[in-house]
């Protein structure tokens, strides 16, 4: 078996298959484009904030798997069944798993790329990989002016981390409120107040039009003036972020946190079925029965998750599917029916100014009620607390918790189990024990 992708999903699958590999049942090769050992991508913001060293978030290496690190898969030859790598290696497979993940979305901003290439201006960074994180950590220093474009989960995390390192941070978000995929307007307002207390200036409904750059000092032929040397010439450096209304935010650093896009180029070039992601069935098979897909690149039942939890669910399920196949052939076995997503985030200040406590956040399921749903909602602005659950019939279908998360465990178990709620008044769902 060959796994293309050495991130969280591919590594999890290799770990699950390790016991089988040790017994001689399967030989696993993982092809990873990043030279670093596999790591927990969810904790990159903690590395940027200086809370963790990079090695702390490393994932255990699958003992029985062969890993090709720093190698990029450039082509899949389905007949005879080989993965062609950028170093010329051809890796044969009986079964292939695509765990190619996703790329950061680079918005169509004027000045984002130079006229003769695809190199970002000096000071402009995506925030998706360990290399992105290390480059940002090397560039940030107290007092540096940083603009984060995008107010989703990743943008909020990056803004908090930069502020914790002493940067002057502006968060520019095009949407009406922060983290609109997970939070409603009321919860987002609580989050915004907390983020601003951490020293981040927040602008919502704020469209970025372009970047202003300056040539590197010294004539542009070297990187000595702060530009990056590319092909014998230096890349210009960012100086400001230009908004749609013409206002400019001065910037030494710009972080692009505008979402992600599944990496499907390999699959498409190989002739596999691709919609937004690589289309998979309930066994996580693609349109080629020898090829599977999991994680950010996989689209199941029309859904692209783009989150770590579902990627791990899919890796675990694929290990079960493959184990069942090995033991029972193609007899009906375990099936993937989708994942329930729970988002958690802790926003803490480095020195807790004025005794500021961290803000804990959890959101799960459907947080926007449908007609006929019951909603229980408690808010306490003085304590930065916000709680909301959505109930449909006798089932808990979603919720948002900010502040004290004492009840999140019981609520999450009730929601994940999809069990009927007890007959007690719905207010019990927001007590500290979640009604248990």
Foldseek 3Di string as FASTA:
>chain_A
DEEEAQELLSQLLLQLCLVVVVVVNDAYEYEHQAQDAYFDQVCLLCVLLVNDPRVVRHDDGRPRYHYHYNWHFDAFDVVVAWTAIPVGDTHHDQFYEYAPAWAFDDDPAPQQDDPPDNDGWQQEAERGDNVRSVVSSVPAAAAFEEEEEAQAPVSLSNQLSSLLRHYQYEYEYLAPFGNVVFDDPVLRVLVVVVSVVSRYHYDYNWAWHHWDWDAFPDPFQDCVRPFHDDPRGGGTFTAWTATPVGDTHGHRHYYYRHDIAADCVRVVVNPWDADSAQEAEFLQATPDNRYGYADQRYAYPNDRDSDSVRSSVNSVSNSQSVVCCSVPNPPDDHTHDDDWDKDWDWRDHNVCPPVPDIKIKIKTFDPDEDPPWDKDWDDDSVQSWIKMWIHDDQATGIIITIGDCLCVVVSVVRNVVRDGHDPPPPVCCPDSNRND
